[in-house]
Amino acid sequence: MIINLIPGLSARACKTLKKRLSLLFAGARLESFRDRILVTALKTEKAADAAAAAQNLPGVAGAELAREELYPLVTRTKGLSLPARPLDFVKNPFIFIAGPCAVESEKTYLASALALKKAGAHALRAAIFKPRSSPYAFQGIGFRGLSIIAKAKKLTGLPLVTEATDTRQLEKLSGTADIIQIGARNMRNYELLKETGRSGMPALLKRAMRATLREWLLSAEYLLKHGCKTLILCERGDSVFSGDGAGLDLKIMRRAKMVSGFPVLADPSHSSKNRALVEAFSLKAAAAGAHGLLIEAGVSPETALVDGAQTIGLPAFSALVKKISGLHRSQGT
């Protein structure tokens, strides 16, 4: 931690401040410089509260936490092996989680699931709850969709990724799904993050629109602190004032990879808002080092109740899998 001092602080005031900081940071090591004090060997679980207290002391301009103090559990994963279950990031150099934006009917969903597996999907999108901006928009089919996604899982043998929008959904979803998705709208829903962590389920955490790396990883820290053992991050992309997709933030995606040891996926569907752009966004994400894609694809995107315009058909998905697989083969991965 770095304690920044107010410019022009007298030597006497600085000495008094250091004494107070020594009491506040008991057991830590303090080193004084001209305009700052460096605090090391501080227990990470106490760092945030100690920094807040330090900022209230006379002579302190601010306190900056190191990454390891901000999100110690996230940074602790750096250098660890990628997970092999429920998705095998060890065996597969690139993972495809594919399916319609929402489960709408048994017939179309099962047809999509079977075709997507054949085309190369490693897991299925299985959303039965959908948070929507309009209260009048389709919100998902709810728990009656559990039997549908369970059938898809049995038919394909693929793991299911389903979104939780409320803490009360977790118990039932956990009985069928393999991974709980925390969508971009709920990245800051801290009670949902806590309960998802306590459930012990693997989690997929999307970055909220315009969220910083710090905010995203602090949300990840919530999941880990409360018991989550397997975590996947997903870059969702931002939107501009016109409402069009502003694209994937590949820089923040790469930084998330550097700071943590978690697999990082990209969502080319929500970031592009246009099925004609999905392939280009997918290839850019793959070239930038994404571990995989969370992508909207199905048998009849033109009739979808949700996000049909950004959902690709099966021929396009199959072609994309072949292109990205070829890219990885050419790189020897």
C-alpha atoms as a PDB file:
ATOM      1  CA  MET A   1       0.000   0.000   0.000  1.00  0.00           C
ATOM      2  CA  ILE A   2       1.161   3.539  -0.749  1.00  0.00           C
ATOM      3  CA  ILE A   3       0.133   6.382   1.566  1.00  0.00           C
ATOM      4  CA  ASN A   4       0.379   9.656  -0.377  1.00  0.00           C
ATOM      5  CA  LEU A   5       1.133  12.709   1.756  1.00  0.00           C
ATOM      6  CA  ILE A   6      -0.193  16.237   1.384  1.00  0.00           C
ATOM      7  CA  PRO A   7       2.462  18.391  -0.382  1.00  0.00           C
ATOM      8  CA  GLY A   8       4.529  20.552   1.945  1.00  0.00           C
ATOM      9  CA  LEU A   9       3.910  18.472   5.056  1.00  0.00           C
ATOM     10  CA  SER A  10       6.416  19.458   7.769  1.00  0.00           C
ATOM     11  CA  ALA A  11       8.957  16.982   9.122  1.00  0.00           C
ATOM     12  CA  ARG A  12       7.287  17.148  12.526  1.00  0.00           C
ATOM     13  CA  ALA A  13       3.828  16.457  11.103  1.00  0.00           C
ATOM     14  CA  CYS A  14       5.243  13.622   9.017  1.00  0.00           C
ATOM     15  CA  LYS A  15       6.836  12.054  12.093  1.00  0.00           C
ATOM     16  CA  THR A  16       3.551  12.288  14.022  1.00  0.00           C
ATOM     17  CA  LEU A  17       1.665  10.779  11.099  1.00  0.00           C
ATOM     18  CA  LYS A  18       4.082   7.870  10.839  1.00  0.00           C
ATOM     19  CA  LYS A  19       3.574   7.087  14.536  1.00  0.00           C
ATOM     20  CA  ARG A  20      -0.200   6.992  14.026  1.00  0.00           C
ATOM     21  CA  LEU A  21       0.204   4.824  10.949  1.00  0.00           C
ATOM     22  CA  SER A  22       2.437   2.438  12.902  1.00  0.00           C
ATOM     23  CA  LEU A  23      -0.410   1.900  15.360  1.00  0.00           C
ATOM     24  CA  LEU A  24      -2.950   1.532  12.561  1.00  0.00           C
ATOM     25  CA  PHE A  25      -0.785  -0.897  10.586  1.00  0.00           C
ATOM     26  CA  ALA A  26       0.444  -2.940  13.556  1.00  0.00           C
ATOM     27  CA  GLY A  27       2.847  -5.642  12.403  1.00  0.00           C
ATOM     28  CA  ALA A  28       3.409  -4.073   8.986  1.00  0.00           C
ATOM     29  CA  ARG A  29       6.606  -2.445   7.722  1.00  0.00           C
ATOM     30  CA  LEU A  30       6.612   1.308   6.943  1.00  0.00           C
ATOM     31  CA  GLU A  31       9.174   3.059   4.736  1.00  0.00           C
ATOM     32  CA  SER A  32       9.210   6.847   4.378  1.00  0.00           C
ATOM     33  CA  PHE A  33       9.907   8.729   1.148  1.00  0.00           C
ATOM     34  CA  ARG A  34       9.660  12.429   0.334  1.00  0.00           C
ATOM     35  CA  ASP A  35       5.934  12.539  -0.416  1.00  0.00           C
ATOM     36  CA  ARG A  36       4.716   9.060   0.465  1.00  0.00           C
ATOM     37  CA  ILE A  37       4.953   6.171   2.893  1.00  0.00           C
ATOM     38  CA  LEU A  38       5.155   2.585   1.646  1.00  0.00           C
ATOM     39  CA  VAL A  39       3.360  -0.033   3.747  1.00  0.00           C
ATOM     40  CA  THR A  40       4.391  -3.670   3.220  1.00  0.00           C
ATOM     41  CA  ALA A  41       3.876  -7.021   4.984  1.00  0.00           C
ATOM     42  CA  LEU A  42       0.272  -6.054   5.771  1.00  0.00           C
ATOM     43  CA  LYS A  43      -2.329  -8.823   6.029  1.00  0.00           C
ATOM     44  CA  THR A  44      -4.388  -8.553   2.844  1.00  0.00           C
ATOM     45  CA  GLU A  45      -7.758  -9.114   4.523  1.00  0.00           C
ATOM     46  CA  LYS A  46      -7.173  -5.984   6.632  1.00  0.00           C
ATOM     47  CA  ALA A  47      -5.833  -3.783   3.847  1.00  0.00           C
ATOM     48  CA  ALA A  48      -9.078  -2.208   2.598  1.00  0.00           C
ATOM     49  CA  ASP A  49     -10.335  -1.138   6.044  1.00  0.00           C
ATOM     50  CA  ALA A  50      -6.875   0.083   7.055  1.00  0.00           C
ATOM     51  CA  ALA A  51      -6.583   2.160   3.872  1.00  0.00           C
ATOM     52  CA  ALA A  52      -9.972   3.767   4.520  1.00  0.00           C
ATOM     53  CA  ALA A  53      -8.929   4.646   8.073  1.00  0.00           C
ATOM     54  CA  ALA A  54      -5.565   6.018   6.909  1.00  0.00           C
ATOM     55  CA  GLN A  55      -7.226   8.418   4.483  1.00  0.00           C
ATOM     56  CA  ASN A  56      -8.943  10.151   7.415  1.00  0.00           C
ATOM     57  CA  LEU A  57      -5.660  11.018   9.147  1.00  0.00           C
ATOM     58  CA  PRO A  58      -4.322  14.606   8.988  1.00  0.00           C
ATOM     59  CA  GLY A  59      -1.615  14.934   6.358  1.00  0.00           C
ATOM     60  CA  VAL A  60      -2.802  12.026   4.185  1.00  0.00           C
ATOM     61  CA  ALA A  61      -3.780  12.839   0.597  1.00  0.00           C
ATOM     62  CA  GLY A  62      -4.850   9.297  -0.258  1.00  0.00           C
ATOM     63  CA  ALA A  63      -4.089   5.592   0.021  1.00  0.00           C
ATOM     64  CA  GLU A  64      -3.479   3.251  -2.921  1.00  0.00           C
ATOM     65  CA  LEU A  65      -3.870  -0.497  -2.526  1.00  0.00           C
ATOM     66  CA  ALA A  66      -1.721  -2.960  -4.437  1.00  0.00           C
ATOM     67  CA  ARG A  67      -3.490  -5.536  -6.623  1.00  0.00           C
ATOM     68  CA  GLU A  68      -2.727  -8.274  -4.116  1.00  0.00           C
ATOM     69  CA  GLU A  69      -4.448  -6.194  -1.422  1.00  0.00           C
ATOM     70  CA  LEU A  70      -7.463  -5.267  -3.570  1.00  0.00           C
ATOM     71  CA  TYR A  71      -8.300  -8.795  -4.698  1.00  0.00           C
ATOM     72  CA  PRO A  72      -5.960 -11.279  -2.984  1.00  0.00           C
ATOM     73  CA  LEU A  73      -7.924 -14.372  -4.034  1.00  0.00           C
ATOM     74  CA  VAL A  74      -8.041 -13.310  -7.688  1.00  0.00           C
ATOM     75  CA  THR A  75      -4.314 -12.621  -7.895  1.00  0.00           C
ATOM     76  CA  ARG A  76      -3.511 -15.818  -5.993  1.00  0.00           C
ATOM     77  CA  THR A  77      -4.742 -17.830  -8.998  1.00  0.00           C
ATOM     78  CA  LYS A  78      -2.118 -16.355 -11.325  1.00  0.00           C
ATOM     79  CA  GLY A  79       0.130 -19.061 -12.702  1.00  0.00           C
ATOM     80  CA  LEU A  80      -2.209 -21.893 -11.721  1.00  0.00           C
ATOM     81  CA  SER A  81      -3.469 -24.449 -14.243  1.00  0.00           C
ATOM     82  CA  LEU A  82      -6.712 -23.716 -16.077  1.00  0.00           C
ATOM     83  CA  PRO A  83      -9.701 -25.797 -14.923  1.00  0.00           C
ATOM     84  CA  ALA A  84     -10.475 -29.143 -16.560  1.00  0.00           C
ATOM     85  CA  ARG A  85     -14.028 -29.417 -15.214  1.00  0.00           C
ATOM     86  CA  PRO A  86     -16.847 -28.818 -16.022  1.00  0.00           C
ATOM     87  CA  LEU A  87     -15.191 -27.339 -19.139  1.00  0.00           C
ATOM     88  CA  ASP A  88     -11.814 -28.738 -20.118  1.00  0.00           C
ATOM     89  CA  PHE A  89      -9.623 -25.707 -20.819  1.00  0.00           C
ATOM     90  CA  VAL A  90      -6.587 -27.992 -20.592  1.00  0.00           C
ATOM     91  CA  LYS A  91      -7.552 -30.355 -23.398  1.00  0.00           C
ATOM     92  CA  ASN A  92      -9.263 -27.736 -25.582  1.00  0.00           C
ATOM     93  CA  PRO A  93      -7.240 -24.680 -26.634  1.00  0.00           C
ATOM     94  CA  PHE A  94     -10.469 -22.793 -27.390  1.00  0.00           C
ATOM     95  CA  ILE A  95     -13.920 -23.310 -25.843  1.00  0.00           C
ATOM     96  CA  PHE A  96     -17.277 -22.600 -27.514  1.00  0.00           C
ATOM     97  CA  ILE A  97     -20.310 -22.079 -25.264  1.00  0.00           C
ATOM     98  CA  ALA A  98     -23.172 -21.732 -27.729  1.00  0.00           C
ATOM     99  CA  GLY A  99     -26.943 -21.616 -27.884  1.00  0.00           C
ATOM    100  CA  PRO A 100     -29.900 -19.282 -28.324  1.00  0.00           C
ATOM    101  CA  CYS A 101     -30.008 -16.194 -26.128  1.00  0.00           C
ATOM    102  CA  ALA A 102     -32.968 -17.737 -24.310  1.00  0.00           C
ATOM    103  CA  VAL A 103     -34.736 -21.089 -24.192  1.00  0.00           C
ATOM    104  CA  GLU A 104     -38.083 -20.439 -25.883  1.00  0.00           C
ATOM    105  CA  SER A 105     -39.524 -23.853 -26.778  1.00  0.00           C
ATOM    106  CA  GLU A 106     -38.500 -27.471 -26.329  1.00  0.00           C
ATOM    107  CA  LYS A 107     -38.542 -28.265 -30.040  1.00  0.00           C
ATOM    108  CA  THR A 108     -36.263 -25.445 -31.198  1.00  0.00           C
ATOM    109  CA  TYR A 109     -33.926 -25.642 -28.210  1.00  0.00           C
ATOM    110  CA  LEU A 110     -33.310 -29.379 -28.488  1.00  0.00           C
ATOM    111  CA  ALA A 111     -32.805 -29.079 -32.241  1.00  0.00           C
ATOM    112  CA  SER A 112     -30.283 -26.285 -31.652  1.00  0.00           C
ATOM    113  CA  ALA A 113     -28.500 -28.211 -28.898  1.00  0.00           C
ATOM    114  CA  LEU A 114     -27.998 -31.331 -31.016  1.00  0.00           C
ATOM    115  CA  ALA A 115     -26.853 -29.368 -34.049  1.00  0.00           C
ATOM    116  CA  LEU A 116     -24.476 -27.180 -32.028  1.00  0.00           C
ATOM    117  CA  LYS A 117     -22.819 -30.199 -30.454  1.00  0.00           C
ATOM    118  CA  LYS A 118     -22.299 -31.703 -33.896  1.00  0.00           C
ATOM    119  CA  ALA A 119     -20.780 -28.413 -35.084  1.00  0.00           C
ATOM    120  CA  GLY A 120     -18.248 -28.315 -32.239  1.00  0.00           C
ATOM    121  CA  ALA A 121     -19.824 -26.653 -29.179  1.00  0.00           C
ATOM    122  CA  HIS A 122     -18.286 -27.633 -25.828  1.00  0.00           C
ATOM    123  CA  ALA A 123     -21.189 -26.371 -23.686  1.00  0.00           C
ATOM    124  CA  LEU A 124     -24.698 -24.987 -24.133  1.00  0.00           C
ATOM    125  CA  ARG A 125     -26.141 -21.604 -23.298  1.00  0.00           C
ATOM    126  CA  ALA A 126     -29.272 -22.530 -21.354  1.00  0.00           C
ATOM    127  CA  ALA A 127     -30.921 -19.300 -20.211  1.00  0.00           C
ATOM    128  CA  ILE A 128     -34.412 -19.687 -18.754  1.00  0.00           C
ATOM    129  CA  PHE A 129     -34.353 -16.342 -16.920  1.00  0.00           C
ATOM    130  CA  LYS A 130     -33.577 -13.101 -18.786  1.00  0.00           C
ATOM    131  CA  PRO A 131     -33.152  -9.651 -17.206  1.00  0.00           C
ATOM    132  CA  ARG A 132     -34.610  -7.114 -19.655  1.00  0.00           C
ATOM    133  CA  SER A 133     -34.655  -3.320 -19.825  1.00  0.00           C
ATOM    134  CA  SER A 134     -38.394  -3.260 -20.530  1.00  0.00           C
ATOM    135  CA  PRO A 135     -40.820  -4.856 -18.057  1.00  0.00           C
ATOM    136  CA  TYR A 136     -42.941  -5.857 -21.068  1.00  0.00           C
ATOM    137  CA  ALA A 137     -40.190  -7.757 -22.888  1.00  0.00           C
ATOM    138  CA  PHE A 138     -39.848 -11.549 -22.764  1.00  0.00           C
ATOM    139  CA  GLN A 139     -38.221 -12.429 -19.436  1.00  0.00           C
ATOM    140  CA  GLY A 140     -37.562 -16.113 -20.121  1.00  0.00           C
ATOM    141  CA  ILE A 141     -39.733 -19.182 -19.570  1.00  0.00           C
ATOM    142  CA  GLY A 142     -38.636 -19.631 -15.970  1.00  0.00           C
ATOM    143  CA  PHE A 143     -38.421 -22.875 -14.058  1.00  0.00           C
ATOM    144  CA  ARG A 144     -40.592 -24.769 -16.538  1.00  0.00           C
ATOM    145  CA  GLY A 145     -37.517 -24.593 -18.759  1.00  0.00           C
ATOM    146  CA  LEU A 146     -35.542 -26.824 -16.371  1.00  0.00           C
ATOM    147  CA  SER A 147     -36.980 -29.985 -17.907  1.00  0.00           C
ATOM    148  CA  ILE A 148     -36.045 -28.725 -21.390  1.00  0.00           C
ATOM    149  CA  ILE A 149     -32.426 -27.975 -20.582  1.00  0.00           C
ATOM    150  CA  ALA A 150     -32.167 -31.246 -18.642  1.00  0.00           C
ATOM    151  CA  LYS A 151     -33.253 -33.091 -21.803  1.00  0.00           C
ATOM    152  CA  ALA A 152     -30.680 -31.171 -23.842  1.00  0.00           C
ATOM    153  CA  LYS A 153     -27.979 -32.150 -21.369  1.00  0.00           C
ATOM    154  CA  LYS A 154     -28.996 -35.815 -21.528  1.00  0.00           C
ATOM    155  CA  LEU A 155     -29.174 -35.839 -25.341  1.00  0.00           C
ATOM    156  CA  THR A 156     -25.869 -34.065 -25.945  1.00  0.00           C
ATOM    157  CA  GLY A 157     -23.788 -34.841 -22.875  1.00  0.00           C
ATOM    158  CA  LEU A 158     -22.736 -31.178 -22.852  1.00  0.00           C
ATOM    159  CA  PRO A 159     -22.562 -29.045 -19.692  1.00  0.00           C
ATOM    160  CA  LEU A 160     -25.128 -26.266 -19.275  1.00  0.00           C
ATOM    161  CA  VAL A 161     -24.460 -22.584 -18.584  1.00  0.00           C
ATOM    162  CA  THR A 162     -27.537 -20.818 -17.227  1.00  0.00           C
ATOM    163  CA  GLU A 163     -28.015 -17.310 -15.866  1.00  0.00           C
ATOM    164  CA  ALA A 164     -29.248 -16.591 -12.349  1.00  0.00           C
ATOM    165  CA  THR A 165     -30.961 -13.236 -11.892  1.00  0.00           C
ATOM    166  CA  ASP A 166     -32.129 -13.726  -8.293  1.00  0.00           C
ATOM    167  CA  THR A 167     -30.706 -15.477  -5.242  1.00  0.00           C
ATOM    168  CA  ARG A 168     -33.951 -17.467  -4.891  1.00  0.00           C
ATOM    169  CA  GLN A 169     -33.273 -19.226  -8.208  1.00  0.00           C
ATOM    170  CA  LEU A 170     -29.925 -20.727  -7.247  1.00  0.00           C
ATOM    171  CA  GLU A 171     -31.033 -23.874  -5.439  1.00  0.00           C
ATOM    172  CA  LYS A 172     -33.209 -25.131  -8.310  1.00  0.00           C
ATOM    173  CA  LEU A 173     -30.781 -24.065 -11.034  1.00  0.00           C
ATOM    174  CA  SER A 174     -27.890 -25.804  -9.287  1.00  0.00           C
ATOM    175  CA  GLY A 175     -29.685 -29.130  -9.561  1.00  0.00           C
ATOM    176  CA  THR A 176     -29.573 -29.069 -13.368  1.00  0.00           C
ATOM    177  CA  ALA A 177     -27.005 -26.523 -14.551  1.00  0.00           C
ATOM    178  CA  ASP A 178     -23.242 -27.024 -14.490  1.00  0.00           C
ATOM    179  CA  ILE A 179     -22.207 -23.353 -14.483  1.00  0.00           C
ATOM    180  CA  ILE A 180     -24.095 -20.356 -13.101  1.00  0.00           C
ATOM    181  CA  GLN A 181     -23.771 -17.235 -15.229  1.00  0.00           C
ATOM    182  CA  ILE A 182     -23.745 -13.822 -13.573  1.00  0.00           C
ATOM    183  CA  GLY A 183     -24.779 -11.477 -16.365  1.00  0.00           C
ATOM    184  CA  ALA A 184     -23.444  -7.994 -17.015  1.00  0.00           C
ATOM    185  CA  ARG A 185     -26.489  -6.378 -15.382  1.00  0.00           C
ATOM    186  CA  ASN A 186     -25.825  -8.331 -12.181  1.00  0.00           C
ATOM    187  CA  MET A 187     -22.057  -7.946 -11.955  1.00  0.00           C
ATOM    188  CA  ARG A 188     -22.649  -5.476  -9.097  1.00  0.00           C
ATOM    189  CA  ASN A 189     -25.427  -7.513  -7.462  1.00  0.00           C
ATOM    190  CA  TYR A 190     -23.321  -8.360  -4.431  1.00  0.00           C
ATOM    191  CA  GLU A 191     -25.914 -10.502  -2.663  1.00  0.00           C
ATOM    192  CA  LEU A 192     -26.249 -12.641  -5.799  1.00  0.00           C
ATOM    193  CA  LEU A 193     -22.459 -12.915  -5.991  1.00  0.00           C
ATOM    194  CA  LYS A 194     -22.264 -14.005  -2.347  1.00  0.00           C
ATOM    195  CA  GLU A 195     -25.004 -16.616  -2.674  1.00  0.00           C
ATOM    196  CA  THR A 196     -23.585 -17.967  -5.928  1.00  0.00           C
ATOM    197  CA  GLY A 197     -20.241 -18.375  -4.182  1.00  0.00           C
ATOM    198  CA  ARG A 198     -21.887 -20.150  -1.245  1.00  0.00           C
ATOM    199  CA  SER A 199     -23.685 -22.525  -3.614  1.00  0.00           C
ATOM    200  CA  GLY A 200     -20.325 -24.026  -4.563  1.00  0.00           C
ATOM    201  CA  MET A 201     -21.280 -23.937  -8.239  1.00  0.00           C
ATOM    202  CA  PRO A 202     -18.781 -23.020 -10.960  1.00  0.00           C
ATOM    203  CA  ALA A 203     -19.525 -19.456 -12.068  1.00  0.00           C
ATOM    204  CA  LEU A 204     -19.174 -17.414 -15.244  1.00  0.00           C
ATOM    205  CA  LEU A 205     -18.905 -13.684 -14.523  1.00  0.00           C
ATOM    206  CA  LYS A 206     -19.542 -11.143 -17.264  1.00  0.00           C
ATOM    207  CA  ARG A 207     -18.057  -7.651 -17.144  1.00  0.00           C
ATOM    208  CA  ALA A 208     -20.748  -4.984 -16.832  1.00  0.00           C
ATOM    209  CA  MET A 209     -20.894  -2.279 -19.476  1.00  0.00           C
ATOM    210  CA  ARG A 210     -18.279   0.409 -18.789  1.00  0.00           C
ATOM    211  CA  ALA A 211     -17.033  -1.445 -15.703  1.00  0.00           C
ATOM    212  CA  THR A 212     -13.337  -1.045 -14.970  1.00  0.00           C
ATOM    213  CA  LEU A 213     -10.956  -3.961 -14.541  1.00  0.00           C
ATOM    214  CA  ARG A 214     -10.891  -3.199 -10.828  1.00  0.00           C
ATOM    215  CA  GLU A 215     -14.692  -3.377 -10.520  1.00  0.00           C
ATOM    216  CA  TRP A 216     -14.842  -6.601 -12.536  1.00  0.00           C
ATOM    217  CA  LEU A 217     -12.169  -8.349 -10.489  1.00  0.00           C
ATOM    218  CA  LEU A 218     -13.637  -7.145  -7.193  1.00  0.00           C
ATOM    219  CA  SER A 219     -16.890  -8.838  -8.218  1.00  0.00           C
ATOM    220  CA  ALA A 220     -14.845 -11.963  -8.931  1.00  0.00           C
ATOM    221  CA  GLU A 221     -13.324 -11.599  -5.457  1.00  0.00           C
ATOM    222  CA  TYR A 222     -16.838 -11.696  -3.950  1.00  0.00           C
ATOM    223  CA  LEU A 223     -17.486 -15.064  -5.613  1.00  0.00           C
ATOM    224  CA  LEU A 224     -14.165 -16.509  -4.470  1.00  0.00           C
ATOM    225  CA  LYS A 225     -14.399 -15.159  -0.922  1.00  0.00           C
ATOM    226  CA  HIS A 226     -17.759 -16.863  -0.455  1.00  0.00           C
ATOM    227  CA  GLY A 227     -16.741 -20.281  -1.723  1.00  0.00           C
ATOM    228  CA  CYS A 228     -16.588 -20.379  -5.519  1.00  0.00           C
ATOM    229  CA  LYS A 229     -13.804 -22.761  -6.598  1.00  0.00           C
ATOM    230  CA  THR A 230     -14.140 -22.604 -10.389  1.00  0.00           C
ATOM    231  CA  LEU A 231     -14.515 -19.219 -12.076  1.00  0.00           C
ATOM    232  CA  ILE A 232     -14.660 -18.123 -15.708  1.00  0.00           C
ATOM    233  CA  LEU A 233     -14.536 -14.456 -16.726  1.00  0.00           C
ATOM    234  CA  CYS A 234     -16.332 -13.142 -19.809  1.00  0.00           C
ATOM    235  CA  GLU A 235     -15.774  -9.830 -21.619  1.00  0.00           C
ATOM    236  CA  ARG A 236     -19.203  -8.668 -22.775  1.00  0.00           C
ATOM    237  CA  GLY A 237     -18.292  -5.417 -24.498  1.00  0.00           C
ATOM    238  CA  ASP A 238     -19.619  -1.885 -24.100  1.00  0.00           C
ATOM    239  CA  SER A 239     -22.287   0.239 -25.733  1.00  0.00           C
ATOM    240  CA  VAL A 240     -22.110   3.826 -26.932  1.00  0.00           C
ATOM    241  CA  PHE A 241     -24.776   6.521 -26.636  1.00  0.00           C
ATOM    242  CA  SER A 242     -26.253   5.671 -30.043  1.00  0.00           C
ATOM    243  CA  GLY A 243     -27.136   2.230 -28.701  1.00  0.00           C
ATOM    244  CA  ASP A 244     -24.839   0.422 -31.133  1.00  0.00           C
ATOM    245  CA  GLY A 245     -22.267  -2.038 -29.950  1.00  0.00           C
ATOM    246  CA  ALA A 246     -18.960  -0.305 -29.243  1.00  0.00           C
ATOM    247  CA  GLY A 247     -17.104  -3.568 -29.480  1.00  0.00           C
ATOM    248  CA  LEU A 248     -15.108  -5.832 -27.252  1.00  0.00           C
ATOM    249  CA  ASP A 249     -12.582  -4.260 -24.931  1.00  0.00           C
ATOM    250  CA  LEU A 250      -9.688  -6.527 -25.866  1.00  0.00           C
ATOM    251  CA  LYS A 251      -7.294  -4.521 -23.708  1.00  0.00           C
ATOM    252  CA  ILE A 252      -9.267  -5.162 -20.533  1.00  0.00           C
ATOM    253  CA  MET A 253      -9.673  -8.812 -21.527  1.00  0.00           C
ATOM    254  CA  ARG A 254      -5.907  -9.246 -21.842  1.00  0.00           C
ATOM    255  CA  ARG A 255      -5.287  -7.395 -18.581  1.00  0.00           C
ATOM    256  CA  ALA A 256      -7.714  -9.735 -16.800  1.00  0.00           C
ATOM    257  CA  LYS A 257      -5.668 -12.658 -18.123  1.00  0.00           C
ATOM    258  CA  MET A 258      -2.445 -11.065 -16.882  1.00  0.00           C
ATOM    259  CA  VAL A 259      -3.715 -10.313 -13.368  1.00  0.00           C
ATOM    260  CA  SER A 260      -5.539 -13.592 -12.711  1.00  0.00           C
ATOM    261  CA  GLY A 261      -5.218 -17.239 -13.644  1.00  0.00           C
ATOM    262  CA  PHE A 262      -8.844 -17.588 -14.737  1.00  0.00           C
ATOM    263  CA  PRO A 263      -9.965 -18.447 -18.261  1.00  0.00           C
ATOM    264  CA  VAL A 264     -11.321 -15.355 -20.015  1.00  0.00           C
ATOM    265  CA  LEU A 265     -13.999 -15.660 -22.690  1.00  0.00           C
ATOM    266  CA  ALA A 266     -15.469 -13.071 -25.063  1.00  0.00           C
ATOM    267  CA  ASP A 267     -19.102 -12.460 -26.030  1.00  0.00           C
ATOM    268  CA  PRO A 268     -19.117 -11.464 -29.728  1.00  0.00           C
ATOM    269  CA  SER A 269     -22.917 -11.437 -29.886  1.00  0.00           C
ATOM    270  CA  HIS A 270     -23.749  -8.744 -27.321  1.00  0.00           C
ATOM    271  CA  SER A 271     -20.683  -6.702 -28.193  1.00  0.00           C
ATOM    272  CA  SER A 272     -21.495  -6.581 -31.914  1.00  0.00           C
ATOM    273  CA  LYS A 273     -25.327  -6.482 -31.783  1.00  0.00           C
ATOM    274  CA  ASN A 274     -25.275  -7.725 -35.374  1.00  0.00           C
ATOM    275  CA  ARG A 275     -24.908 -11.289 -36.666  1.00  0.00           C
ATOM    276  CA  ALA A 276     -23.008  -9.977 -39.700  1.00  0.00           C
ATOM    277  CA  LEU A 277     -20.249  -8.794 -37.340  1.00  0.00           C
ATOM    278  CA  VAL A 278     -20.107 -11.793 -35.007  1.00  0.00           C
ATOM    279  CA  GLU A 279     -17.445 -13.656 -36.980  1.00  0.00           C
ATOM    280  CA  ALA A 280     -15.126 -10.641 -37.151  1.00  0.00           C
ATOM    281  CA  PHE A 281     -15.508  -9.978 -33.418  1.00  0.00           C
ATOM    282  CA  SER A 282     -14.902 -13.660 -32.663  1.00  0.00           C
ATOM    283  CA  LEU A 283     -11.717 -13.817 -34.712  1.00  0.00           C
ATOM    284  CA  LYS A 284     -10.397 -10.645 -33.070  1.00  0.00           C
ATOM    285  CA  ALA A 285     -11.055 -12.093 -29.624  1.00  0.00           C
ATOM    286  CA  ALA A 286      -9.335 -15.352 -30.546  1.00  0.00           C
ATOM    287  CA  ALA A 287      -6.321 -13.496 -31.936  1.00  0.00           C
ATOM    288  CA  ALA A 288      -6.152 -11.382 -28.758  1.00  0.00           C
ATOM    289  CA  GLY A 289      -5.841 -14.485 -26.594  1.00  0.00           C
ATOM    290  CA  ALA A 290      -9.379 -15.287 -25.431  1.00  0.00           C
ATOM    291  CA  HIS A 291      -9.799 -18.797 -24.064  1.00  0.00           C
ATOM    292  CA  GLY A 292     -13.151 -19.142 -25.817  1.00  0.00           C
ATOM    293  CA  LEU A 293     -16.475 -17.600 -26.800  1.00  0.00           C
ATOM    294  CA  LEU A 294     -19.904 -17.269 -25.208  1.00  0.00           C
ATOM    295  CA  ILE A 295     -21.877 -17.004 -28.424  1.00  0.00           C
ATOM    296  CA  GLU A 296     -25.534 -16.885 -29.463  1.00  0.00           C
ATOM    297  CA  ALA A 297     -26.342 -19.458 -32.145  1.00  0.00           C
ATOM    298  CA  GLY A 298     -29.330 -21.600 -33.059  1.00  0.00           C
ATOM    299  CA  VAL A 299     -31.491 -23.223 -35.710  1.00  0.00           C
ATOM    300  CA  SER A 300     -33.896 -20.310 -36.273  1.00  0.00           C
ATOM    301  CA  PRO A 301     -32.486 -16.959 -35.113  1.00  0.00           C
ATOM    302  CA  GLU A 302     -34.895 -15.050 -37.365  1.00  0.00           C
ATOM    303  CA  THR A 303     -37.856 -16.123 -35.181  1.00  0.00           C
ATOM    304  CA  ALA A 304     -36.170 -15.638 -31.779  1.00  0.00           C
ATOM    305  CA  LEU A 305     -37.995 -13.586 -29.157  1.00  0.00           C
ATOM    306  CA  VAL A 306     -34.698 -12.301 -27.744  1.00  0.00           C
ATOM    307  CA  ASP A 307     -31.622 -10.986 -29.594  1.00  0.00           C
ATOM    308  CA  GLY A 308     -32.369 -12.684 -32.905  1.00  0.00           C
ATOM    309  CA  ALA A 309     -30.495  -9.974 -34.809  1.00  0.00           C
ATOM    310  CA  GLN A 310     -27.209 -10.893 -33.127  1.00  0.00           C
ATOM    311  CA  THR A 311     -27.725 -14.680 -33.181  1.00  0.00           C
ATOM    312  CA  ILE A 312     -25.937 -16.621 -35.904  1.00  0.00           C
ATOM    313  CA  GLY A 313     -27.327 -19.665 -37.677  1.00  0.00           C
ATOM    314  CA  LEU A 314     -25.818 -23.136 -37.627  1.00  0.00           C
ATOM    315  CA  PRO A 315     -23.886 -22.873 -40.923  1.00  0.00           C
ATOM    316  CA  ALA A 316     -22.206 -19.678 -39.677  1.00  0.00           C
ATOM    317  CA  PHE A 317     -21.391 -21.263 -36.319  1.00  0.00           C
ATOM    318  CA  SER A 318     -19.930 -24.368 -37.935  1.00  0.00           C
ATOM    319  CA  ALA A 319     -17.772 -22.242 -40.236  1.00  0.00           C
ATOM    320  CA  LEU A 320     -16.572 -20.129 -37.297  1.00  0.00           C
ATOM    321  CA  VAL A 321     -15.548 -23.195 -35.287  1.00  0.00           C
ATOM    322  CA  LYS A 322     -13.510 -24.446 -38.238  1.00  0.00           C
ATOM    323  CA  LYS A 323     -11.814 -21.063 -38.753  1.00  0.00           C
ATOM    324  CA  ILE A 324     -10.798 -20.627 -35.130  1.00  0.00           C
ATOM    325  CA  SER A 325      -9.736 -24.270 -34.805  1.00  0.00           C
ATOM    326  CA  GLY A 326      -7.588 -23.799 -37.907  1.00  0.00           C
ATOM    327  CA  LEU A 327      -6.092 -20.649 -36.404  1.00  0.00           C
ATOM    328  CA  HIS A 328      -5.054 -22.541 -33.277  1.00  0.00           C
ATOM    329  CA  ARG A 329      -3.673 -25.467 -35.277  1.00  0.00           C
ATOM    330  CA  SER A 330      -1.541 -23.087 -37.316  1.00  0.00           C
ATOM    331  CA  GLN A 331      -0.163 -21.659 -34.060  1.00  0.00           C
ATOM    332  CA  GLY A 332       0.558 -25.140 -32.736  1.00  0.00           C
ATOM    333  CA  THR A 333      -1.867 -24.930 -29.805  1.00  0.00           C
END
